[in-house]
């Protein structure tokens, strides 16, 4: 009888622990983006066109945020004040044809990496921590292969990283079936838990997506480098690969596989998040990225 009571207590304890763990993973109630810190606005000439940029300034190490294709430099409302309060100089710009940035010539679009370094030069930033989400993450390995000395760390968030290997592409096709990309952007990029629990947050995300893409002037820019598996092995910058546990493009196992290809990389998974972890679970996302940046403060 004693053994049975002990077993029942153990089982009850395990169920309670599981309930606590499950509760901890639930998405927090949605709250609007916090008050933003003062930032200067710039229209930066990147060779034939101008990109809209904001910059909190200050003496801290620079953090540059690269938005997804569904966004602009306006999507970082949950990151700007948190990273600024942590002592960083926070910078974000909208890529060509997104938000308030001009599209420039479609015949000579240049590369996104060239635009990135033109922005850094204009703002007199020698080195930065580079963070890219989704399509913004395509630029990150390209930048690391092009000018590693300009980067303190790189963070690739919920992104396929621009990899051109056929095996990588076939895996993507397997994970996202025919018709998936024709579904509404919020369905593809926000996980079901978030859309169900946070209708106001979903509405705000859609508002920002519409504002970013309203012009219909998206500009596709080629990579400077061929991003294949061998190229990833040549990246020397400390790297963080972060994804949501419900990201259909980069599920956790795939994020771990990506991290294993980059010599100084580690991976992290954000619970109850899809392809927009920075928005769906900003507290967990910010904490994960800031811990990584602090681990590499003043060095690279």
C-alpha atoms as a PDB file:
ATOM      1  CA  UNK A   1       0.000   0.000   0.000  1.00  0.00           C
ATOM      2  CA  UNK A   2       2.829   2.363   0.906  1.00  0.00           C
ATOM      3  CA  UNK A   3       4.545   1.646  -2.406  1.00  0.00           C
ATOM      4  CA  UNK A   4       1.286   2.258  -4.258  1.00  0.00           C
ATOM      5  CA  UNK A   5       0.715   5.584  -2.454  1.00  0.00           C
ATOM      6  CA  UNK A   6       4.288   6.566  -3.258  1.00  0.00           C
ATOM      7  CA  UNK A   7       3.786   5.719  -6.909  1.00  0.00           C
ATOM      8  CA  UNK A   8       0.547   7.718  -7.012  1.00  0.00           C
ATOM      9  CA  UNK A   9       2.279  10.722  -5.418  1.00  0.00           C
ATOM     10  CA  UNK A  10       5.108  10.474  -7.922  1.00  0.00           C
ATOM     11  CA  UNK A  11       2.646  10.287 -10.800  1.00  0.00           C
ATOM     12  CA  UNK A  12       0.703  13.272  -9.457  1.00  0.00           C
ATOM     13  CA  UNK A  13       3.933  15.214  -9.076  1.00  0.00           C
ATOM     14  CA  UNK A  14       4.935  14.409 -12.638  1.00  0.00           C
ATOM     15  CA  UNK A  15       1.541  15.538 -13.940  1.00  0.00           C
ATOM     16  CA  UNK A  16       1.780  18.769 -11.944  1.00  0.00           C
ATOM     17  CA  UNK A  17       5.264  19.439 -13.278  1.00  0.00           C
ATOM     18  CA  UNK A  18       4.053  18.778 -16.804  1.00  0.00           C
ATOM     19  CA  UNK A  19       1.154  21.173 -16.286  1.00  0.00           C
ATOM     20  CA  UNK A  20       3.519  23.878 -15.021  1.00  0.00           C
ATOM     21  CA  UNK A  21       5.842  23.333 -17.982  1.00  0.00           C
ATOM     22  CA  UNK A  22       2.917  23.450 -20.397  1.00  0.00           C
ATOM     23  CA  UNK A  23       1.603  26.621 -18.769  1.00  0.00           C
ATOM     24  CA  UNK A  24       5.019  28.254 -18.985  1.00  0.00           C
ATOM     25  CA  UNK A  25       5.037  27.629 -22.726  1.00  0.00           C
ATOM     26  CA  UNK A  26       1.717  29.363 -23.343  1.00  0.00           C
ATOM     27  CA  UNK A  27       1.924  32.644 -25.267  1.00  0.00           C
ATOM     28  CA  UNK A  28       1.708  35.686 -23.027  1.00  0.00           C
ATOM     29  CA  UNK A  29      -1.302  37.942 -23.413  1.00  0.00           C
ATOM     30  CA  UNK A  30      -0.662  40.305 -26.274  1.00  0.00           C
ATOM     31  CA  UNK A  31       0.447  43.796 -25.394  1.00  0.00           C
ATOM     32  CA  UNK A  32       1.130  46.693 -27.752  1.00  0.00           C
ATOM     33  CA  UNK A  33       4.716  47.532 -28.608  1.00  0.00           C
ATOM     34  CA  UNK A  34       6.304  49.463 -25.730  1.00  0.00           C
ATOM     35  CA  UNK A  35       7.233  53.122 -25.977  1.00  0.00           C
ATOM     36  CA  UNK A  36      10.138  53.509 -28.371  1.00  0.00           C
ATOM     37  CA  UNK A  37      13.413  55.170 -27.423  1.00  0.00           C
ATOM     38  CA  UNK A  38      14.437  58.349 -29.264  1.00  0.00           C
ATOM     39  CA  UNK A  39      15.926  57.575 -32.669  1.00  0.00           C
ATOM     40  CA  UNK A  40      17.140  59.675 -35.566  1.00  0.00           C
ATOM     41  CA  UNK A  41      15.657  59.062 -38.993  1.00  0.00           C
ATOM     42  CA  UNK A  42      17.874  58.994 -42.081  1.00  0.00           C
ATOM     43  CA  UNK A  43      17.373  58.621 -45.827  1.00  0.00           C
ATOM     44  CA  UNK A  44      20.608  56.869 -46.763  1.00  0.00           C
ATOM     45  CA  UNK A  45      21.939  56.920 -50.317  1.00  0.00           C
ATOM     46  CA  UNK A  46      23.076  53.431 -51.287  1.00  0.00           C
ATOM     47  CA  UNK A  47      23.886  54.150 -54.908  1.00  0.00           C
ATOM     48  CA  UNK A  48      21.001  55.318 -57.031  1.00  0.00           C
ATOM     49  CA  UNK A  49      18.317  55.044 -54.359  1.00  0.00           C
ATOM     50  CA  UNK A  50      17.646  55.946 -50.738  1.00  0.00           C
ATOM     51  CA  UNK A  51      16.783  53.655 -47.852  1.00  0.00           C
ATOM     52  CA  UNK A  52      14.752  54.702 -44.821  1.00  0.00           C
ATOM     53  CA  UNK A  53      16.692  54.060 -41.612  1.00  0.00           C
ATOM     54  CA  UNK A  54      16.329  54.763 -37.913  1.00  0.00           C
ATOM     55  CA  UNK A  55      19.193  54.790 -35.402  1.00  0.00           C
ATOM     56  CA  UNK A  56      19.015  55.169 -31.615  1.00  0.00           C
ATOM     57  CA  UNK A  57      22.647  56.305 -31.555  1.00  0.00           C
ATOM     58  CA  UNK A  58      24.811  56.206 -28.463  1.00  0.00           C
ATOM     59  CA  UNK A  59      28.243  54.759 -27.652  1.00  0.00           C
ATOM     60  CA  UNK A  60      27.186  51.128 -27.288  1.00  0.00           C
ATOM     61  CA  UNK A  61      27.958  48.286 -29.662  1.00  0.00           C
ATOM     62  CA  UNK A  62      25.732  48.522 -32.734  1.00  0.00           C
ATOM     63  CA  UNK A  63      22.935  46.021 -33.355  1.00  0.00           C
ATOM     64  CA  UNK A  64      21.546  46.040 -36.906  1.00  0.00           C
ATOM     65  CA  UNK A  65      18.109  44.489 -37.488  1.00  0.00           C
ATOM     66  CA  UNK A  66      17.166  43.087 -40.916  1.00  0.00           C
ATOM     67  CA  UNK A  67      13.422  42.678 -41.410  1.00  0.00           C
ATOM     68  CA  UNK A  68      11.489  39.836 -43.127  1.00  0.00           C
ATOM     69  CA  UNK A  69       9.945  40.302 -46.573  1.00  0.00           C
ATOM     70  CA  UNK A  70       6.577  40.786 -44.900  1.00  0.00           C
ATOM     71  CA  UNK A  71       7.881  43.769 -42.944  1.00  0.00           C
ATOM     72  CA  UNK A  72       9.958  46.923 -42.874  1.00  0.00           C
ATOM     73  CA  UNK A  73      12.035  48.705 -40.261  1.00  0.00           C
ATOM     74  CA  UNK A  74       8.748  49.348 -38.419  1.00  0.00           C
ATOM     75  CA  UNK A  75       8.362  45.732 -37.241  1.00  0.00           C
ATOM     76  CA  UNK A  76      10.988  45.916 -34.493  1.00  0.00           C
ATOM     77  CA  UNK A  77       8.825  47.692 -31.902  1.00  0.00           C
ATOM     78  CA  UNK A  78       9.381  44.970 -29.316  1.00  0.00           C
ATOM     79  CA  UNK A  79      13.152  44.964 -29.820  1.00  0.00           C
ATOM     80  CA  UNK A  80      14.135  48.641 -30.172  1.00  0.00           C
ATOM     81  CA  UNK A  81      13.599  49.812 -26.571  1.00  0.00           C
ATOM     82  CA  UNK A  82      14.752  46.552 -25.001  1.00  0.00           C
ATOM     83  CA  UNK A  83      18.044  46.420 -26.885  1.00  0.00           C
ATOM     84  CA  UNK A  84      18.591  50.173 -26.413  1.00  0.00           C
ATOM     85  CA  UNK A  85      17.981  49.870 -22.661  1.00  0.00           C
ATOM     86  CA  UNK A  86      20.494  47.005 -22.607  1.00  0.00           C
ATOM     87  CA  UNK A  87      23.131  49.484 -23.786  1.00  0.00           C
ATOM     88  CA  UNK A  88      23.187  48.839 -27.521  1.00  0.00           C
ATOM     89  CA  UNK A  89      22.975  51.278 -30.398  1.00  0.00           C
ATOM     90  CA  UNK A  90      20.014  49.890 -32.343  1.00  0.00           C
ATOM     91  CA  UNK A  91      19.698  50.400 -36.103  1.00  0.00           C
ATOM     92  CA  UNK A  92      17.127  49.192 -38.618  1.00  0.00           C
ATOM     93  CA  UNK A  93      16.497  50.103 -42.232  1.00  0.00           C
ATOM     94  CA  UNK A  94      13.901  49.105 -44.791  1.00  0.00           C
ATOM     95  CA  UNK A  95      15.232  47.305 -47.837  1.00  0.00           C
ATOM     96  CA  UNK A  96      14.535  48.513 -51.365  1.00  0.00           C
ATOM     97  CA  UNK A  97      10.836  48.922 -52.099  1.00  0.00           C
ATOM     98  CA  UNK A  98       9.759  48.188 -48.534  1.00  0.00           C
ATOM     99  CA  UNK A  99       8.195  50.683 -46.141  1.00  0.00           C
ATOM    100  CA  UNK A 100       9.465  54.188 -46.917  1.00  0.00           C
ATOM    101  CA  UNK A 101      12.518  53.037 -48.875  1.00  0.00           C
ATOM    102  CA  UNK A 102      12.731  53.770 -52.587  1.00  0.00           C
ATOM    103  CA  UNK A 103      12.901  50.776 -54.954  1.00  0.00           C
ATOM    104  CA  UNK A 104      15.659  52.095 -57.178  1.00  0.00           C
ATOM    105  CA  UNK A 105      16.282  50.545 -60.573  1.00  0.00           C
ATOM    106  CA  UNK A 106      14.981  47.024 -61.112  1.00  0.00           C
ATOM    107  CA  UNK A 107      17.598  46.597 -63.855  1.00  0.00           C
ATOM    108  CA  UNK A 108      20.537  47.368 -61.549  1.00  0.00           C
ATOM    109  CA  UNK A 109      19.340  46.445 -58.056  1.00  0.00           C
ATOM    110  CA  UNK A 110      22.790  45.755 -56.619  1.00  0.00           C
ATOM    111  CA  UNK A 111      23.067  43.297 -53.748  1.00  0.00           C
ATOM    112  CA  UNK A 112      21.478  43.476 -50.326  1.00  0.00           C
ATOM    113  CA  UNK A 113      24.928  43.031 -48.783  1.00  0.00           C
ATOM    114  CA  UNK A 114      26.262  46.074 -50.623  1.00  0.00           C
ATOM    115  CA  UNK A 115      23.294  48.072 -49.340  1.00  0.00           C
ATOM    116  CA  UNK A 116      23.956  46.852 -45.792  1.00  0.00           C
ATOM    117  CA  UNK A 117      27.567  47.962 -45.793  1.00  0.00           C
ATOM    118  CA  UNK A 118      26.628  51.262 -47.440  1.00  0.00           C
ATOM    119  CA  UNK A 119      24.265  51.887 -44.517  1.00  0.00           C
ATOM    120  CA  UNK A 120      26.985  51.004 -42.006  1.00  0.00           C
ATOM    121  CA  UNK A 121      29.447  53.303 -43.756  1.00  0.00           C
ATOM    122  CA  UNK A 122      26.962  56.181 -43.828  1.00  0.00           C
ATOM    123  CA  UNK A 123      26.346  55.780 -40.091  1.00  0.00           C
ATOM    124  CA  UNK A 124      30.085  55.337 -39.389  1.00  0.00           C
ATOM    125  CA  UNK A 125      29.578  51.893 -37.841  1.00  0.00           C
ATOM    126  CA  UNK A 126      32.797  49.894 -37.970  1.00  0.00           C
ATOM    127  CA  UNK A 127      31.418  46.632 -36.548  1.00  0.00           C
ATOM    128  CA  UNK A 128      27.991  45.413 -35.536  1.00  0.00           C
ATOM    129  CA  UNK A 129      25.926  42.523 -34.268  1.00  0.00           C
ATOM    130  CA  UNK A 130      23.808  41.541 -37.282  1.00  0.00           C
ATOM    131  CA  UNK A 131      20.335  40.054 -36.746  1.00  0.00           C
ATOM    132  CA  UNK A 132      18.119  38.959 -39.620  1.00  0.00           C
ATOM    133  CA  UNK A 133      14.662  37.399 -39.484  1.00  0.00           C
ATOM    134  CA  UNK A 134      13.205  35.263 -42.299  1.00  0.00           C
ATOM    135  CA  UNK A 135      14.270  36.853 -45.625  1.00  0.00           C
ATOM    136  CA  UNK A 136      16.388  39.296 -43.636  1.00  0.00           C
ATOM    137  CA  UNK A 137      18.341  36.247 -42.523  1.00  0.00           C
ATOM    138  CA  UNK A 138      19.323  35.531 -46.137  1.00  0.00           C
ATOM    139  CA  UNK A 139      21.606  38.570 -45.986  1.00  0.00           C
ATOM    140  CA  UNK A 140      23.355  37.496 -42.788  1.00  0.00           C
ATOM    141  CA  UNK A 141      25.564  34.614 -44.044  1.00  0.00           C
ATOM    142  CA  UNK A 142      26.249  36.579 -47.231  1.00  0.00           C
ATOM    143  CA  UNK A 143      27.529  39.465 -45.111  1.00  0.00           C
ATOM    144  CA  UNK A 144      29.624  37.133 -42.947  1.00  0.00           C
ATOM    145  CA  UNK A 145      31.275  35.676 -46.044  1.00  0.00           C
ATOM    146  CA  UNK A 146      31.813  39.112 -47.580  1.00  0.00           C
ATOM    147  CA  UNK A 147      33.126  41.218 -44.689  1.00  0.00           C
ATOM    148  CA  UNK A 148      33.559  39.130 -41.542  1.00  0.00           C
ATOM    149  CA  UNK A 149      35.730  41.828 -39.969  1.00  0.00           C
ATOM    150  CA  UNK A 150      32.698  44.162 -39.877  1.00  0.00           C
ATOM    151  CA  UNK A 151      30.615  41.756 -37.762  1.00  0.00           C
ATOM    152  CA  UNK A 152      30.820  40.977 -34.042  1.00  0.00           C
ATOM    153  CA  UNK A 153      28.161  38.247 -34.171  1.00  0.00           C
ATOM    154  CA  UNK A 154      25.425  37.056 -36.493  1.00  0.00           C
ATOM    155  CA  UNK A 155      21.922  35.875 -35.618  1.00  0.00           C
ATOM    156  CA  UNK A 156      19.818  34.036 -38.198  1.00  0.00           C
ATOM    157  CA  UNK A 157      16.223  33.935 -36.963  1.00  0.00           C
ATOM    158  CA  UNK A 158      13.506  31.744 -38.494  1.00  0.00           C
ATOM    159  CA  UNK A 159      15.306  31.836 -41.826  1.00  0.00           C
ATOM    160  CA  UNK A 160      16.374  29.478 -44.593  1.00  0.00           C
ATOM    161  CA  UNK A 161      19.544  31.608 -44.817  1.00  0.00           C
ATOM    162  CA  UNK A 162      19.518  31.842 -48.610  1.00  0.00           C
ATOM    163  CA  UNK A 163      21.004  28.369 -49.047  1.00  0.00           C
ATOM    164  CA  UNK A 164      20.966  27.262 -52.697  1.00  0.00           C
ATOM    165  CA  UNK A 165      21.722  23.538 -52.272  1.00  0.00           C
ATOM    166  CA  UNK A 166      19.195  21.347 -54.082  1.00  0.00           C
ATOM    167  CA  UNK A 167      18.829  19.080 -51.034  1.00  0.00           C
ATOM    168  CA  UNK A 168      17.981  22.103 -48.868  1.00  0.00           C
ATOM    169  CA  UNK A 169      15.404  23.263 -51.389  1.00  0.00           C
ATOM    170  CA  UNK A 170      13.825  19.824 -51.666  1.00  0.00           C
ATOM    171  CA  UNK A 171      13.527  19.723 -47.876  1.00  0.00           C
ATOM    172  CA  UNK A 172      11.749  23.084 -48.035  1.00  0.00           C
ATOM    173  CA  UNK A 173       9.320  21.722 -50.614  1.00  0.00           C
ATOM    174  CA  UNK A 174       8.612  18.742 -48.370  1.00  0.00           C
ATOM    175  CA  UNK A 175       7.959  20.957 -45.328  1.00  0.00           C
ATOM    176  CA  UNK A 176       5.707  23.440 -47.145  1.00  0.00           C
ATOM    177  CA  UNK A 177       3.328  21.632 -49.545  1.00  0.00           C
ATOM    178  CA  UNK A 178       1.940  23.014 -52.842  1.00  0.00           C
ATOM    179  CA  UNK A 179      -0.311  25.997 -52.249  1.00  0.00           C
ATOM    180  CA  UNK A 180       1.319  26.894 -48.941  1.00  0.00           C
ATOM    181  CA  UNK A 181       2.911  30.084 -50.270  1.00  0.00           C
ATOM    182  CA  UNK A 182      -0.424  31.238 -51.670  1.00  0.00           C
ATOM    183  CA  UNK A 183      -1.956  31.220 -48.200  1.00  0.00           C
ATOM    184  CA  UNK A 184      -2.380  34.516 -46.296  1.00  0.00           C
ATOM    185  CA  UNK A 185       0.941  35.831 -44.917  1.00  0.00           C
ATOM    186  CA  UNK A 186      -0.247  35.736 -41.306  1.00  0.00           C
ATOM    187  CA  UNK A 187      -1.188  32.058 -41.701  1.00  0.00           C
ATOM    188  CA  UNK A 188       2.297  31.243 -42.998  1.00  0.00           C
ATOM    189  CA  UNK A 189       4.239  33.316 -40.502  1.00  0.00           C
ATOM    190  CA  UNK A 190       2.283  33.337 -37.224  1.00  0.00           C
ATOM    191  CA  UNK A 191       1.717  30.046 -35.445  1.00  0.00           C
ATOM    192  CA  UNK A 192      -1.766  28.782 -34.665  1.00  0.00           C
ATOM    193  CA  UNK A 193      -1.378  29.346 -30.931  1.00  0.00           C
ATOM    194  CA  UNK A 194      -0.558  33.007 -31.474  1.00  0.00           C
ATOM    195  CA  UNK A 195      -3.368  33.629 -33.963  1.00  0.00           C
ATOM    196  CA  UNK A 196      -5.853  31.967 -31.615  1.00  0.00           C
ATOM    197  CA  UNK A 197      -4.696  33.569 -28.358  1.00  0.00           C
ATOM    198  CA  UNK A 198      -3.751  37.026 -29.630  1.00  0.00           C
ATOM    199  CA  UNK A 199      -6.205  38.338 -32.246  1.00  0.00           C
ATOM    200  CA  UNK A 200      -5.137  41.927 -31.519  1.00  0.00           C
ATOM    201  CA  UNK A 201      -1.496  41.004 -32.051  1.00  0.00           C
ATOM    202  CA  UNK A 202      -2.378  39.253 -35.302  1.00  0.00           C
ATOM    203  CA  UNK A 203      -4.276  42.352 -36.452  1.00  0.00           C
ATOM    204  CA  UNK A 204      -1.314  44.597 -35.653  1.00  0.00           C
ATOM    205  CA  UNK A 205       1.079  42.239 -37.489  1.00  0.00           C
ATOM    206  CA  UNK A 206      -1.201  42.333 -40.555  1.00  0.00           C
ATOM    207  CA  UNK A 207      -1.333  46.138 -40.343  1.00  0.00           C
ATOM    208  CA  UNK A 208       2.478  46.346 -40.395  1.00  0.00           C
ATOM    209  CA  UNK A 209       2.674  43.808 -43.235  1.00  0.00           C
ATOM    210  CA  UNK A 210       0.217  45.797 -45.349  1.00  0.00           C
ATOM    211  CA  UNK A 211       2.078  49.052 -44.680  1.00  0.00           C
ATOM    212  CA  UNK A 212       5.407  47.475 -45.619  1.00  0.00           C
ATOM    213  CA  UNK A 213       4.214  45.958 -48.876  1.00  0.00           C
ATOM    214  CA  UNK A 214       1.537  48.468 -49.973  1.00  0.00           C
ATOM    215  CA  UNK A 215       3.637  49.928 -52.781  1.00  0.00           C
ATOM    216  CA  UNK A 216       4.018  46.534 -54.455  1.00  0.00           C
ATOM    217  CA  UNK A 217       7.568  47.559 -55.336  1.00  0.00           C
ATOM    218  CA  UNK A 218       9.476  44.615 -53.889  1.00  0.00           C
ATOM    219  CA  UNK A 219      12.979  44.427 -55.334  1.00  0.00           C
ATOM    220  CA  UNK A 220      14.757  41.070 -55.551  1.00  0.00           C
ATOM    221  CA  UNK A 221      18.503  41.414 -55.109  1.00  0.00           C
ATOM    222  CA  UNK A 222      21.019  38.650 -55.837  1.00  0.00           C
ATOM    223  CA  UNK A 223      23.433  37.419 -53.190  1.00  0.00           C
ATOM    224  CA  UNK A 224      27.070  38.401 -53.515  1.00  0.00           C
ATOM    225  CA  UNK A 225      28.213  34.889 -52.561  1.00  0.00           C
ATOM    226  CA  UNK A 226      26.872  31.447 -53.383  1.00  0.00           C
ATOM    227  CA  UNK A 227      25.455  30.243 -50.056  1.00  0.00           C
ATOM    228  CA  UNK A 228      25.957  26.481 -50.162  1.00  0.00           C
ATOM    229  CA  UNK A 229      26.891  24.026 -47.427  1.00  0.00           C
ATOM    230  CA  UNK A 230      30.610  24.480 -48.066  1.00  0.00           C
ATOM    231  CA  UNK A 231      30.282  28.263 -47.773  1.00  0.00           C
ATOM    232  CA  UNK A 232      28.567  27.955 -44.394  1.00  0.00           C
ATOM    233  CA  UNK A 233      31.605  26.027 -43.186  1.00  0.00           C
ATOM    234  CA  UNK A 234      33.781  29.053 -43.978  1.00  0.00           C
ATOM    235  CA  UNK A 235      31.881  31.457 -41.715  1.00  0.00           C
ATOM    236  CA  UNK A 236      34.139  32.517 -38.848  1.00  0.00           C
ATOM    237  CA  UNK A 237      31.807  34.853 -36.951  1.00  0.00           C
ATOM    238  CA  UNK A 238      30.042  33.608 -33.774  1.00  0.00           C
ATOM    239  CA  UNK A 239      26.527  32.651 -34.844  1.00  0.00           C
ATOM    240  CA  UNK A 240      23.138  32.023 -33.270  1.00  0.00           C
ATOM    241  CA  UNK A 241      20.420  30.141 -35.144  1.00  0.00           C
ATOM    242  CA  UNK A 242      17.055  30.759 -33.483  1.00  0.00           C
ATOM    243  CA  UNK A 243      13.647  29.506 -34.544  1.00  0.00           C
ATOM    244  CA  UNK A 244      10.141  28.963 -33.267  1.00  0.00           C
ATOM    245  CA  UNK A 245       9.031  25.483 -32.313  1.00  0.00           C
ATOM    246  CA  UNK A 246       6.131  25.846 -34.783  1.00  0.00           C
ATOM    247  CA  UNK A 247       8.064  27.442 -37.658  1.00  0.00           C
ATOM    248  CA  UNK A 248       6.994  25.545 -40.805  1.00  0.00           C
ATOM    249  CA  UNK A 249      10.082  26.670 -42.744  1.00  0.00           C
ATOM    250  CA  UNK A 250      12.749  26.056 -40.096  1.00  0.00           C
ATOM    251  CA  UNK A 251      11.513  23.536 -37.510  1.00  0.00           C
ATOM    252  CA  UNK A 252      13.864  22.914 -34.571  1.00  0.00           C
ATOM    253  CA  UNK A 253      15.565  19.857 -36.094  1.00  0.00           C
ATOM    254  CA  UNK A 254      16.365  21.844 -39.222  1.00  0.00           C
ATOM    255  CA  UNK A 255      17.676  24.767 -37.156  1.00  0.00           C
ATOM    256  CA  UNK A 256      20.022  22.371 -35.372  1.00  0.00           C
ATOM    257  CA  UNK A 257      21.188  21.012 -38.727  1.00  0.00           C
ATOM    258  CA  UNK A 258      21.868  24.554 -39.947  1.00  0.00           C
ATOM    259  CA  UNK A 259      23.820  25.405 -36.799  1.00  0.00           C
ATOM    260  CA  UNK A 260      25.911  22.255 -37.217  1.00  0.00           C
ATOM    261  CA  UNK A 261      27.145  23.534 -40.596  1.00  0.00           C
ATOM    262  CA  UNK A 262      28.552  26.787 -39.161  1.00  0.00           C
ATOM    263  CA  UNK A 263      31.740  26.345 -37.099  1.00  0.00           C
ATOM    264  CA  UNK A 264      30.962  28.752 -34.227  1.00  0.00           C
ATOM    265  CA  UNK A 265      27.181  28.420 -34.173  1.00  0.00           C
ATOM    266  CA  UNK A 266      24.649  27.350 -31.587  1.00  0.00           C
ATOM    267  CA  UNK A 267      20.892  27.007 -31.901  1.00  0.00           C
ATOM    268  CA  UNK A 268      17.937  27.991 -29.739  1.00  0.00           C
ATOM    269  CA  UNK A 269      14.212  27.297 -29.950  1.00  0.00           C
ATOM    270  CA  UNK A 270      11.469  29.711 -28.887  1.00  0.00           C
ATOM    271  CA  UNK A 271       8.378  27.939 -27.529  1.00  0.00           C
ATOM    272  CA  UNK A 272       4.920  28.725 -28.919  1.00  0.00           C
ATOM    273  CA  UNK A 273       6.305  30.663 -31.903  1.00  0.00           C
ATOM    274  CA  UNK A 274       6.197  30.227 -35.654  1.00  0.00           C
ATOM    275  CA  UNK A 275       8.103  32.071 -38.382  1.00  0.00           C
ATOM    276  CA  UNK A 276       7.947  35.463 -36.599  1.00  0.00           C
ATOM    277  CA  UNK A 277       9.408  34.634 -33.196  1.00  0.00           C
ATOM    278  CA  UNK A 278      10.582  38.230 -32.703  1.00  0.00           C
ATOM    279  CA  UNK A 279       6.896  39.269 -32.757  1.00  0.00           C
ATOM    280  CA  UNK A 280       5.069  36.239 -31.355  1.00  0.00           C
ATOM    281  CA  UNK A 281       7.273  35.751 -28.295  1.00  0.00           C
ATOM    282  CA  UNK A 282       9.323  38.959 -27.982  1.00  0.00           C
ATOM    283  CA  UNK A 283      10.347  38.461 -24.354  1.00  0.00           C
ATOM    284  CA  UNK A 284      11.808  35.015 -24.998  1.00  0.00           C
ATOM    285  CA  UNK A 285      13.325  36.125 -28.307  1.00  0.00           C
ATOM    286  CA  UNK A 286      14.956  39.209 -26.802  1.00  0.00           C
ATOM    287  CA  UNK A 287      16.290  37.297 -23.813  1.00  0.00           C
ATOM    288  CA  UNK A 288      17.780  34.576 -26.016  1.00  0.00           C
ATOM    289  CA  UNK A 289      19.475  37.006 -28.386  1.00  0.00           C
ATOM    290  CA  UNK A 290      20.712  39.379 -25.664  1.00  0.00           C
ATOM    291  CA  UNK A 291      22.262  36.487 -23.733  1.00  0.00           C
ATOM    292  CA  UNK A 292      24.124  35.528 -26.902  1.00  0.00           C
ATOM    293  CA  UNK A 293      25.297  39.088 -27.593  1.00  0.00           C
ATOM    294  CA  UNK A 294      26.511  39.531 -24.014  1.00  0.00           C
ATOM    295  CA  UNK A 295      28.503  36.322 -24.267  1.00  0.00           C
ATOM    296  CA  UNK A 296      30.440  37.944 -27.107  1.00  0.00           C
ATOM    297  CA  UNK A 297      30.593  41.527 -25.834  1.00  0.00           C
ATOM    298  CA  UNK A 298      33.722  43.358 -26.918  1.00  0.00           C
ATOM    299  CA  UNK A 299      35.027  40.447 -28.911  1.00  0.00           C
ATOM    300  CA  UNK A 300      34.170  38.426 -31.915  1.00  0.00           C
END
